[in-house]
């Protein structure tokens, strides 16, 4: 693994905010000032293809990245876009149920919870 890719992966795994490539680029530049945004994008794509990270395409055009490659669910704030891991176990049994009820061959599923993060909820509640 190249030094650039290792730094990108290490910083992503430290960052639990599910950053965009641009946000991660700003962090990585602290350690590698000469790295380009394009290099960060390319390495994130490669790391995603290798199964080292997850590329999240959730409710919008901005892709975010997760340093945890294990299957898990996410919660997205519908106001500010914050993404957190959902603290529940994967429901893999539903894949078998759906597979048996349809002609589809099921390979996986995605489940996204949406709501208001604590900060946005507090701001909204103050206006009520």
N, C-alpha and C. Protein backbone atom coordinates (compact mmCIF):
# COMPACT_ATOMS: atom_id res chain seq x y z
N UNK A 1 0.86 -1.18 0.00
CA UNK A 1 0.00 0.00 0.00
C UNK A 1 0.91 1.24 0.00
N UNK A 2 0.56 2.19 -0.85
CA UNK A 2 1.37 3.40 -0.92
C UNK A 2 1.23 4.21 0.37
N UNK A 3 2.19 5.06 0.61
CA UNK A 3 2.15 5.92 1.81
C UNK A 3 0.91 6.81 1.78
N UNK A 4 0.61 7.37 0.60
CA UNK A 4 -0.57 8.24 0.48
C UNK A 4 -1.84 7.48 0.84
N UNK A 5 -1.98 6.28 0.28
CA UNK A 5 -3.18 5.49 0.54
C UNK A 5 -3.27 5.13 2.02
N UNK A 6 -2.15 4.80 2.64
CA UNK A 6 -2.13 4.44 4.06
C UNK A 6 -2.57 5.63 4.92
N UNK A 7 -2.07 6.82 4.62
CA UNK A 7 -2.45 8.01 5.39
C UNK A 7 -3.94 8.29 5.21
N UNK A 8 -4.44 8.20 3.99
CA UNK A 8 -5.87 8.43 3.72
C UNK A 8 -6.71 7.42 4.51
N UNK A 9 -6.34 6.15 4.45
CA UNK A 9 -7.08 5.12 5.17
C UNK A 9 -7.02 5.34 6.68
N UNK A 10 -5.85 5.62 7.20
CA UNK A 10 -5.72 5.84 8.64
C UNK A 10 -6.56 7.02 9.11
N UNK A 11 -6.52 8.11 8.37
CA UNK A 11 -7.29 9.30 8.76
C UNK A 11 -8.80 9.05 8.66
N UNK A 12 -9.21 8.31 7.64
CA UNK A 12 -10.63 8.00 7.50
C UNK A 12 -11.09 7.11 8.65
N UNK A 13 -10.28 6.16 9.03
CA UNK A 13 -10.67 5.26 10.13
C UNK A 13 -10.72 5.99 11.47
N UNK A 14 -9.96 7.04 11.63
CA UNK A 14 -10.00 7.85 12.86
C UNK A 14 -11.23 8.75 12.90
N UNK A 15 -11.72 9.15 11.74
CA UNK A 15 -12.80 10.14 11.63
C UNK A 15 -14.16 9.43 11.59
N UNK A 16 -14.91 9.56 12.63
CA UNK A 16 -16.21 8.88 12.73
C UNK A 16 -17.36 9.70 12.13
N UNK A 17 -17.03 10.83 11.49
CA UNK A 17 -18.08 11.71 10.96
C UNK A 17 -18.51 11.35 9.55
N UNK A 18 -17.93 10.29 8.97
CA UNK A 18 -18.25 9.90 7.60
C UNK A 18 -18.00 11.07 6.64
N UNK A 19 -16.75 11.50 6.53
CA UNK A 19 -16.43 12.72 5.77
C UNK A 19 -16.58 12.55 4.26
N UNK A 20 -16.74 13.67 3.59
CA UNK A 20 -16.68 13.69 2.13
C UNK A 20 -15.20 13.64 1.73
N UNK A 21 -14.94 13.43 0.45
CA UNK A 21 -13.56 13.42 -0.04
C UNK A 21 -12.90 14.77 0.21
N UNK A 22 -13.64 15.86 0.02
CA UNK A 22 -13.09 17.20 0.25
C UNK A 22 -12.70 17.40 1.71
N UNK A 23 -13.56 16.94 2.62
CA UNK A 23 -13.26 17.08 4.05
C UNK A 23 -12.04 16.25 4.44
N UNK A 24 -11.97 15.04 3.91
CA UNK A 24 -10.83 14.18 4.20
C UNK A 24 -9.54 14.76 3.60
N UNK A 25 -9.66 15.35 2.43
CA UNK A 25 -8.51 16.00 1.79
C UNK A 25 -7.91 17.06 2.71
N UNK A 26 -8.76 17.87 3.32
CA UNK A 26 -8.28 18.92 4.23
C UNK A 26 -7.53 18.32 5.42
N UNK A 27 -8.00 17.20 5.91
CA UNK A 27 -7.32 16.53 7.03
C UNK A 27 -5.98 15.95 6.59
N UNK A 28 -5.98 15.25 5.46
CA UNK A 28 -4.77 14.58 4.97
C UNK A 28 -3.69 15.60 4.61
N UNK A 29 -4.09 16.77 4.14
CA UNK A 29 -3.12 17.82 3.77
C UNK A 29 -2.26 18.27 4.95
N UNK A 30 -2.75 18.09 6.16
CA UNK A 30 -1.96 18.45 7.34
C UNK A 30 -0.70 17.58 7.43
N UNK A 31 -0.79 16.36 6.93
CA UNK A 31 0.34 15.42 6.98
C UNK A 31 1.09 15.35 5.66
N UNK A 32 0.37 15.62 4.58
CA UNK A 32 0.96 15.55 3.24
C UNK A 32 0.53 16.79 2.46
N UNK A 33 1.18 17.92 2.68
CA UNK A 33 0.74 19.19 2.10
C UNK A 33 0.70 19.21 0.57
N UNK A 34 1.46 18.35 -0.08
CA UNK A 34 1.53 18.37 -1.54
C UNK A 34 0.52 17.42 -2.20
N UNK A 35 -0.26 16.70 -1.42
CA UNK A 35 -1.22 15.77 -2.00
C UNK A 35 -2.33 16.55 -2.70
N UNK A 36 -2.83 16.01 -3.81
CA UNK A 36 -3.89 16.69 -4.55
C UNK A 36 -5.25 16.09 -4.19
N UNK A 37 -6.29 16.88 -4.44
CA UNK A 37 -7.65 16.40 -4.21
C UNK A 37 -7.93 15.20 -5.10
N UNK A 38 -7.45 15.23 -6.34
CA UNK A 38 -7.64 14.11 -7.26
C UNK A 38 -7.03 12.82 -6.73
N UNK A 39 -5.88 12.92 -6.09
CA UNK A 39 -5.23 11.75 -5.50
C UNK A 39 -6.08 11.17 -4.38
N UNK A 40 -6.67 12.04 -3.57
CA UNK A 40 -7.54 11.57 -2.49
C UNK A 40 -8.75 10.86 -3.09
N UNK A 41 -9.39 11.45 -4.10
CA UNK A 41 -10.55 10.82 -4.75
C UNK A 41 -10.18 9.46 -5.32
N UNK A 42 -9.08 9.38 -6.06
CA UNK A 42 -8.67 8.11 -6.68
C UNK A 42 -8.41 7.04 -5.63
N UNK A 43 -7.73 7.42 -4.57
CA UNK A 43 -7.43 6.44 -3.53
C UNK A 43 -8.67 6.00 -2.77
N UNK A 44 -9.61 6.89 -2.56
CA UNK A 44 -10.87 6.49 -1.92
C UNK A 44 -11.62 5.50 -2.80
N UNK A 45 -11.63 5.72 -4.10
CA UNK A 45 -12.28 4.77 -5.02
C UNK A 45 -11.60 3.41 -4.94
N UNK A 46 -10.28 3.40 -4.96
CA UNK A 46 -9.53 2.13 -4.89
C UNK A 46 -9.79 1.42 -3.57
N UNK A 47 -9.74 2.15 -2.46
CA UNK A 47 -10.00 1.56 -1.16
C UNK A 47 -11.41 0.99 -1.07
N UNK A 48 -12.37 1.67 -1.70
CA UNK A 48 -13.74 1.18 -1.74
C UNK A 48 -13.83 -0.11 -2.55
N UNK A 49 -13.20 -0.13 -3.71
CA UNK A 49 -13.20 -1.33 -4.55
C UNK A 49 -12.52 -2.51 -3.86
N UNK A 50 -11.51 -2.24 -3.05
CA UNK A 50 -10.80 -3.30 -2.32
C UNK A 50 -11.56 -3.78 -1.08
N UNK A 51 -12.65 -3.08 -0.73
CA UNK A 51 -13.43 -3.46 0.43
C UNK A 51 -12.85 -2.98 1.75
N UNK A 52 -11.91 -2.04 1.69
CA UNK A 52 -11.29 -1.50 2.90
C UNK A 52 -12.16 -0.43 3.57
N UNK A 53 -13.00 0.23 2.77
CA UNK A 53 -13.88 1.29 3.26
C UNK A 53 -15.23 1.15 2.56
N UNK A 54 -16.19 1.92 3.02
CA UNK A 54 -17.49 1.99 2.35
C UNK A 54 -17.69 3.37 1.74
N UNK A 55 -18.21 3.39 0.53
CA UNK A 55 -18.62 4.64 -0.10
C UNK A 55 -20.11 4.77 0.15
N UNK A 56 -20.52 5.85 0.78
CA UNK A 56 -21.92 6.06 1.13
C UNK A 56 -22.55 7.04 0.16
N UNK A 57 -23.61 6.62 -0.49
CA UNK A 57 -24.36 7.50 -1.37
C UNK A 57 -25.77 7.56 -0.79
N UNK A 58 -25.95 8.52 0.08
CA UNK A 58 -27.18 8.58 0.85
C UNK A 58 -27.90 9.91 0.65
N UNK A 59 -29.09 9.85 0.15
CA UNK A 59 -29.97 11.00 0.11
C UNK A 59 -29.36 12.29 -0.37
N UNK A 60 -28.66 12.27 -1.44
CA UNK A 60 -28.06 13.49 -1.96
C UNK A 60 -26.94 13.16 -2.92
N UNK A 61 -26.33 14.19 -3.45
CA UNK A 61 -25.29 13.97 -4.44
C UNK A 61 -23.90 13.86 -3.83
N UNK A 62 -23.72 14.32 -2.60
CA UNK A 62 -22.41 14.31 -1.97
C UNK A 62 -22.11 12.92 -1.43
N UNK A 63 -21.05 12.31 -1.93
CA UNK A 63 -20.63 11.01 -1.44
C UNK A 63 -19.85 11.21 -0.15
N UNK A 64 -20.07 10.30 0.76
CA UNK A 64 -19.32 10.30 2.01
C UNK A 64 -18.66 8.94 2.15
N UNK A 65 -17.69 8.86 3.03
CA UNK A 65 -16.92 7.64 3.16
C UNK A 65 -16.86 7.19 4.61
N UNK A 66 -16.86 5.88 4.78
CA UNK A 66 -16.88 5.26 6.10
C UNK A 66 -15.66 4.34 6.21
N UNK A 67 -14.83 4.56 7.21
CA UNK A 67 -13.65 3.74 7.41
C UNK A 67 -13.94 2.36 7.96
N UNK A 68 -15.19 2.11 8.34
CA UNK A 68 -15.59 0.80 8.85
C UNK A 68 -16.17 0.00 7.69
N UNK A 69 -15.45 -1.03 7.20
CA UNK A 69 -15.93 -1.77 6.04
C UNK A 69 -17.01 -2.80 6.36
N UNK A 70 -17.26 -3.05 7.64
CA UNK A 70 -18.27 -4.06 8.00
C UNK A 70 -19.67 -3.52 7.72
N UNK A 71 -20.58 -4.43 7.39
CA UNK A 71 -21.95 -4.03 7.12
C UNK A 71 -22.58 -3.45 8.38
N UNK A 72 -23.19 -2.28 8.22
CA UNK A 72 -23.92 -1.66 9.32
C UNK A 72 -24.82 -0.57 8.75
N UNK A 73 -25.77 -0.15 9.54
CA UNK A 73 -26.72 0.86 9.11
C UNK A 73 -26.28 2.25 9.56
N UNK A 74 -26.89 3.25 8.93
CA UNK A 74 -26.55 4.64 9.23
C UNK A 74 -27.81 5.46 9.50
N UNK A 75 -27.62 6.56 10.21
CA UNK A 75 -28.66 7.55 10.47
C UNK A 75 -28.19 8.85 9.84
N UNK A 76 -29.07 9.50 9.05
CA UNK A 76 -28.70 10.75 8.39
C UNK A 76 -29.62 11.87 8.85
N UNK A 77 -29.04 12.99 9.22
CA UNK A 77 -29.83 14.17 9.58
C UNK A 77 -30.36 14.79 8.30
N UNK A 78 -31.66 14.95 8.23
CA UNK A 78 -32.29 15.50 7.03
C UNK A 78 -32.11 17.01 6.92
N UNK A 79 -31.56 17.62 7.96
CA UNK A 79 -31.33 19.05 7.92
C UNK A 79 -29.89 19.39 7.55
N UNK A 80 -28.93 18.89 8.31
CA UNK A 80 -27.53 19.26 8.09
C UNK A 80 -26.72 18.21 7.33
N UNK A 81 -27.27 16.99 7.19
CA UNK A 81 -26.57 15.94 6.45
C UNK A 81 -25.62 15.10 7.29
N UNK A 82 -25.54 15.37 8.59
CA UNK A 82 -24.66 14.57 9.46
C UNK A 82 -25.04 13.09 9.35
N UNK A 83 -24.03 12.23 9.37
CA UNK A 83 -24.26 10.79 9.30
C UNK A 83 -23.58 10.13 10.48
N UNK A 84 -24.32 9.26 11.16
CA UNK A 84 -23.78 8.48 12.27
C UNK A 84 -24.11 7.01 12.03
N UNK A 85 -23.35 6.13 12.68
CA UNK A 85 -23.67 4.71 12.64
C UNK A 85 -24.92 4.47 13.48
N UNK A 86 -25.82 3.63 12.98
CA UNK A 86 -27.01 3.26 13.74
C UNK A 86 -26.63 2.11 14.68
N UNK A 87 -26.96 2.22 15.95
CA UNK A 87 -26.54 1.22 16.93
C UNK A 87 -27.45 0.00 16.99
N UNK A 88 -27.71 -0.61 15.84
CA UNK A 88 -28.53 -1.83 15.81
C UNK A 88 -27.81 -2.88 14.96
N UNK A 89 -28.15 -4.13 15.20
CA UNK A 89 -27.55 -5.24 14.46
C UNK A 89 -28.15 -5.31 13.05
N UNK A 90 -27.36 -5.82 12.13
CA UNK A 90 -27.84 -6.03 10.76
C UNK A 90 -28.98 -7.05 10.77
N UNK A 91 -29.97 -6.83 9.93
CA UNK A 91 -31.11 -7.74 9.81
C UNK A 91 -30.95 -8.59 8.55
N UNK A 92 -29.94 -9.44 8.54
CA UNK A 92 -29.64 -10.21 7.35
C UNK A 92 -30.70 -11.25 7.04
N UNK A 93 -31.49 -11.64 8.04
CA UNK A 93 -32.54 -12.63 7.80
C UNK A 93 -33.57 -12.14 6.79
N UNK A 94 -33.76 -10.83 6.68
CA UNK A 94 -34.77 -10.34 5.74
C UNK A 94 -34.37 -10.60 4.30
N UNK A 95 -33.06 -10.71 4.03
CA UNK A 95 -32.62 -11.03 2.67
C UNK A 95 -33.12 -12.41 2.27
N UNK A 96 -33.03 -13.38 3.19
CA UNK A 96 -33.52 -14.73 2.89
C UNK A 96 -35.03 -14.75 2.72
N UNK A 97 -35.73 -13.96 3.52
CA UNK A 97 -37.19 -13.90 3.41
C UNK A 97 -37.60 -13.34 2.05
N UNK A 98 -37.00 -12.23 1.65
CA UNK A 98 -37.32 -11.61 0.36
C UNK A 98 -36.94 -12.53 -0.78
N UNK A 99 -35.77 -13.16 -0.66
CA UNK A 99 -35.28 -14.06 -1.70
C UNK A 99 -36.29 -15.18 -1.95
N UNK A 100 -36.89 -15.70 -0.89
CA UNK A 100 -37.86 -16.78 -1.03
C UNK A 100 -39.23 -16.32 -1.50
N UNK A 101 -39.51 -15.03 -1.45
CA UNK A 101 -40.83 -14.51 -1.81
C UNK A 101 -40.88 -13.92 -3.21
N UNK A 102 -39.73 -13.78 -3.86
CA UNK A 102 -39.70 -13.15 -5.18
C UNK A 102 -38.83 -13.98 -6.12
N UNK A 103 -38.83 -13.58 -7.39
CA UNK A 103 -37.96 -14.22 -8.38
C UNK A 103 -36.58 -13.57 -8.41
N UNK A 104 -36.37 -12.56 -7.61
CA UNK A 104 -35.08 -11.87 -7.57
C UNK A 104 -34.05 -12.73 -6.84
N UNK A 105 -32.81 -12.59 -7.24
CA UNK A 105 -31.69 -13.14 -6.46
C UNK A 105 -31.15 -11.96 -5.65
N UNK A 106 -31.30 -12.03 -4.34
CA UNK A 106 -30.94 -10.92 -3.46
C UNK A 106 -29.46 -11.04 -3.07
N UNK A 107 -28.73 -9.93 -3.22
CA UNK A 107 -27.31 -9.88 -2.89
C UNK A 107 -27.01 -9.03 -1.66
N UNK A 108 -27.99 -8.29 -1.20
CA UNK A 108 -27.77 -7.43 -0.04
C UNK A 108 -28.90 -6.44 0.09
N UNK A 109 -28.79 -5.56 1.06
CA UNK A 109 -29.79 -4.52 1.24
C UNK A 109 -29.15 -3.30 1.90
N UNK A 110 -29.84 -2.19 1.78
CA UNK A 110 -29.43 -0.94 2.43
C UNK A 110 -30.62 -0.42 3.21
N UNK A 111 -30.33 0.10 4.36
CA UNK A 111 -31.37 0.69 5.18
C UNK A 111 -30.80 1.97 5.76
N UNK A 112 -31.47 3.06 5.51
CA UNK A 112 -31.02 4.36 5.99
C UNK A 112 -32.11 4.96 6.87
N UNK A 113 -31.74 5.32 8.06
CA UNK A 113 -32.65 6.01 8.95
C UNK A 113 -32.46 7.51 8.74
N UNK A 114 -33.54 8.25 8.73
CA UNK A 114 -33.45 9.70 8.59
C UNK A 114 -34.17 10.36 9.75
N UNK A 115 -33.68 11.50 10.15
CA UNK A 115 -34.28 12.23 11.26
C UNK A 115 -33.51 13.51 11.47
N UNK A 116 -33.59 14.04 12.65
CA UNK A 116 -32.85 15.25 13.01
C UNK A 116 -31.79 14.88 14.05
N UNK A 117 -30.56 15.33 13.81
CA UNK A 117 -29.50 15.11 14.80
C UNK A 117 -29.82 15.94 16.04
N UNK A 118 -29.17 15.67 17.16
CA UNK A 118 -29.48 16.43 18.39
C UNK A 118 -29.35 17.94 18.22
N UNK A 119 -28.32 18.40 17.52
CA UNK A 119 -28.14 19.85 17.34
C UNK A 119 -29.29 20.46 16.55
N UNK A 120 -29.64 19.83 15.43
CA UNK A 120 -30.72 20.36 14.60
C UNK A 120 -32.07 20.26 15.30
N UNK A 121 -32.28 19.18 16.07
CA UNK A 121 -33.52 19.04 16.82
C UNK A 121 -33.64 20.15 17.85
N UNK A 122 -32.55 20.43 18.57
CA UNK A 122 -32.58 21.50 19.58
C UNK A 122 -32.88 22.85 18.94
N UNK A 123 -32.28 23.12 17.79
CA UNK A 123 -32.53 24.39 17.09
C UNK A 123 -33.99 24.47 16.64
N UNK A 124 -34.52 23.35 16.14
CA UNK A 124 -35.92 23.34 15.69
C UNK A 124 -36.86 23.49 16.88
N UNK A 125 -36.56 22.82 17.98
CA UNK A 125 -37.41 22.88 19.17
C UNK A 125 -37.45 24.29 19.75
N UNK A 126 -36.35 25.01 19.64
CA UNK A 126 -36.30 26.38 20.16
C UNK A 126 -37.25 27.30 19.38
N UNK A 127 -37.54 26.94 18.13
CA UNK A 127 -38.45 27.76 17.31
C UNK A 127 -39.91 27.40 17.52
N UNK A 128 -40.19 26.24 18.14
CA UNK A 128 -41.58 25.82 18.33
C UNK A 128 -42.20 26.58 19.41
